[in-house]
């Protein structure tokens, strides 16, 4: 003997299943929203920020440009084979000479050890051996910086 299913029963059963499924879906816990990342504090020194904002080719000590290249009174020389960069006043009273001991830096983040010779006044010649990092680049220039000694340069690419 076959049981006869009434048409209204199937509709009520489907509606009940729909209500149960919807209630279950709504009551499921939602995933936790992704928290906003905490802002990274700016740990750059004021001197570094000054160099990064500068645009004058030259030598910077403690954020100040102490020797600026000026095409009218200075000469510039670049020697890729010797990994050397030099700017000097026509009378040689002021100069900056950089010799890259490692590979010549090319892109942001590159580190390079340099021998730096500079003269800012008569009779006062200084030599530094420092590790510099490239902070910024353009097609023509590199911004080099040493945080510990607060020494920086904007130099023409070799």
Protein backbone atom coordinates (compact mmCIF):
# COMPACT_ATOMS: atom_id res chain seq x y z
CA UNK A 1 0.00 0.00 0.00
CA UNK A 2 1.48 3.25 -1.15
CA UNK A 3 1.45 6.32 1.04
CA UNK A 4 0.14 9.35 -0.64
CA UNK A 5 2.06 12.60 -0.03
CA UNK A 6 -0.03 15.66 -0.09
CA UNK A 7 1.24 18.58 -2.22
CA UNK A 8 0.96 21.05 0.70
CA UNK A 9 3.24 18.81 2.81
CA UNK A 10 6.20 19.16 0.41
CA UNK A 11 5.83 22.94 0.36
CA UNK A 12 5.65 23.14 4.20
CA UNK A 13 8.64 20.75 4.52
CA UNK A 14 10.73 22.82 2.06
CA UNK A 15 9.78 26.03 3.88
CA UNK A 16 10.73 24.51 7.26
CA UNK A 17 14.11 23.38 5.87
CA UNK A 18 14.72 26.85 4.47
CA UNK A 19 13.92 28.49 7.84
CA UNK A 20 16.18 26.07 9.74
CA UNK A 21 19.05 26.55 7.29
CA UNK A 22 18.71 30.34 7.35
CA UNK A 23 18.60 30.40 11.17
CA UNK A 24 21.70 28.23 11.36
CA UNK A 25 23.58 30.40 8.85
CA UNK A 26 22.70 33.62 10.67
CA UNK A 27 23.68 32.21 14.06
CA UNK A 28 27.18 31.13 12.91
CA UNK A 29 29.90 33.28 14.44
CA UNK A 30 31.43 35.80 12.06
CA UNK A 31 35.21 35.74 11.55
CA UNK A 32 37.15 38.34 13.50
CA UNK A 33 37.85 41.40 11.39
CA UNK A 34 41.47 41.86 10.45
CA UNK A 35 42.93 44.35 12.92
CA UNK A 36 44.39 47.55 11.54
CA UNK A 37 48.18 47.38 11.50
CA UNK A 38 49.77 49.65 14.04
CA UNK A 39 51.58 52.59 12.47
CA UNK A 40 55.32 52.16 12.27
CA UNK A 41 57.01 54.92 14.22
CA UNK A 42 59.30 57.19 12.24
CA UNK A 43 62.76 56.38 13.54
CA UNK A 44 64.64 58.58 11.09
CA UNK A 45 66.92 61.17 12.64
CA UNK A 46 66.28 64.85 11.82
CA UNK A 47 69.64 64.94 10.01
CA UNK A 48 68.62 62.02 7.79
CA UNK A 49 65.31 63.68 7.00
CA UNK A 50 67.20 66.86 6.05
CA UNK A 51 69.41 64.92 3.63
CA UNK A 52 66.45 63.08 2.10
CA UNK A 53 64.69 66.41 1.51
CA UNK A 54 67.80 68.03 0.01
CA UNK A 55 68.48 68.17 -3.71
CA UNK A 56 71.89 69.90 -3.93
CA UNK A 57 74.78 67.69 -4.99
CA UNK A 58 77.41 67.78 -2.28
CA UNK A 59 78.63 66.70 1.15
CA UNK A 60 76.44 66.85 4.26
CA UNK A 61 77.51 66.78 7.91
CA UNK A 62 74.87 66.56 10.63
CA UNK A 63 72.17 67.41 8.07
CA UNK A 64 73.81 70.56 6.73
CA UNK A 65 75.37 70.89 3.30
CA UNK A 66 78.98 71.84 4.02
CA UNK A 67 80.26 71.49 0.46
CA UNK A 68 77.83 72.12 -2.40
CA UNK A 69 78.74 71.47 -6.03
CA UNK A 70 78.41 74.58 -8.16
CA UNK A 71 79.28 74.19 -11.84
CA UNK A 72 80.50 77.81 -12.03
CA UNK A 73 83.28 77.44 -9.43
CA UNK A 74 83.70 73.68 -9.04
CA UNK A 75 84.90 70.76 -11.13
CA UNK A 76 83.55 67.25 -11.02
CA UNK A 77 85.32 64.02 -11.96
CA UNK A 78 83.99 60.48 -12.05
CA UNK A 79 86.17 57.42 -12.69
CA UNK A 80 84.21 54.16 -12.97
CA UNK A 81 87.33 51.97 -13.20
CA UNK A 82 88.74 53.35 -9.94
CA UNK A 83 85.26 53.64 -8.37
CA UNK A 84 86.03 57.27 -7.62
CA UNK A 85 83.93 60.45 -7.44
CA UNK A 86 85.40 63.92 -6.84
CA UNK A 87 84.18 67.49 -6.69
CA UNK A 88 86.58 70.36 -6.01
CA UNK A 89 86.64 74.10 -6.08
CA UNK A 90 88.67 75.48 -9.00
CA UNK A 91 91.39 76.70 -6.61
CA UNK A 92 91.30 73.31 -4.74
CA UNK A 93 90.66 75.04 -1.42
CA UNK A 94 87.59 72.84 -0.90
CA UNK A 95 87.05 69.29 -2.17
CA UNK A 96 85.30 66.00 -1.65
CA UNK A 97 86.86 62.77 -2.87
CA UNK A 98 85.03 59.44 -2.50
CA UNK A 99 86.52 56.05 -3.29
CA UNK A 100 84.08 53.16 -3.11
CA UNK A 101 85.95 50.20 -1.54
CA UNK A 102 83.23 47.73 -2.54
CA UNK A 103 81.01 47.63 -5.56
CA UNK A 104 79.57 50.94 -6.62
CA UNK A 105 76.06 51.35 -5.13
CA UNK A 106 73.16 51.45 -7.56
CA UNK A 107 69.79 51.13 -5.79
CA UNK A 108 68.00 51.97 -2.55
CA UNK A 109 69.24 49.77 0.29
CA UNK A 110 72.67 49.06 -1.20
CA UNK A 111 75.46 49.39 1.36
CA UNK A 112 78.99 50.39 0.48
CA UNK A 113 82.18 51.08 2.38
CA UNK A 114 83.85 54.30 1.29
CA UNK A 115 87.02 56.21 1.89
CA UNK A 116 86.06 59.87 2.02
CA UNK A 117 88.63 62.67 1.88
CA UNK A 118 87.37 66.21 2.23
CA UNK A 119 88.69 69.69 2.81
CA UNK A 120 86.38 72.47 3.91
CA UNK A 121 88.94 75.11 4.89
CA UNK A 122 92.61 75.86 4.25
CA UNK A 123 94.90 73.40 6.01
CA UNK A 124 92.11 71.15 7.29
CA UNK A 125 91.91 67.88 5.40
CA UNK A 126 89.87 65.00 6.88
CA UNK A 127 89.65 61.32 6.00
CA UNK A 128 86.75 59.04 6.94
CA UNK A 129 86.19 55.37 6.26
CA UNK A 130 82.48 54.72 6.61
CA UNK A 131 79.77 52.36 5.52
CA UNK A 132 77.02 54.21 3.69
CA UNK A 133 73.57 53.10 2.63
CA UNK A 134 71.64 54.38 -0.39
CA UNK A 135 68.51 56.16 0.86
CA UNK A 136 67.16 57.48 -2.41
CA UNK A 137 67.98 57.48 -6.12
CA UNK A 138 67.15 59.25 -9.33
CA UNK A 139 68.41 58.51 -12.83
CA UNK A 140 71.34 60.86 -12.19
CA UNK A 141 71.98 60.95 -8.40
CA UNK A 142 72.34 58.81 -5.26
CA UNK A 143 71.63 59.89 -1.68
CA UNK A 144 74.17 58.13 0.60
CA UNK A 145 73.95 58.16 4.41
CA UNK A 146 75.70 56.94 7.56
CA UNK A 147 73.39 57.29 10.57
CA UNK A 148 76.03 56.83 13.27
CA UNK A 149 78.32 59.60 12.04
CA UNK A 150 75.51 61.71 10.53
CA UNK A 151 77.44 61.89 7.26
CA UNK A 152 75.68 62.03 3.93
CA UNK A 153 76.17 62.87 0.30
CA UNK A 154 74.22 63.52 -2.81
CA UNK A 155 76.49 62.31 -5.59
CA UNK A 156 76.28 61.74 -9.30
CA UNK A 157 75.89 58.10 -10.28
CA UNK A 158 78.99 56.36 -11.56
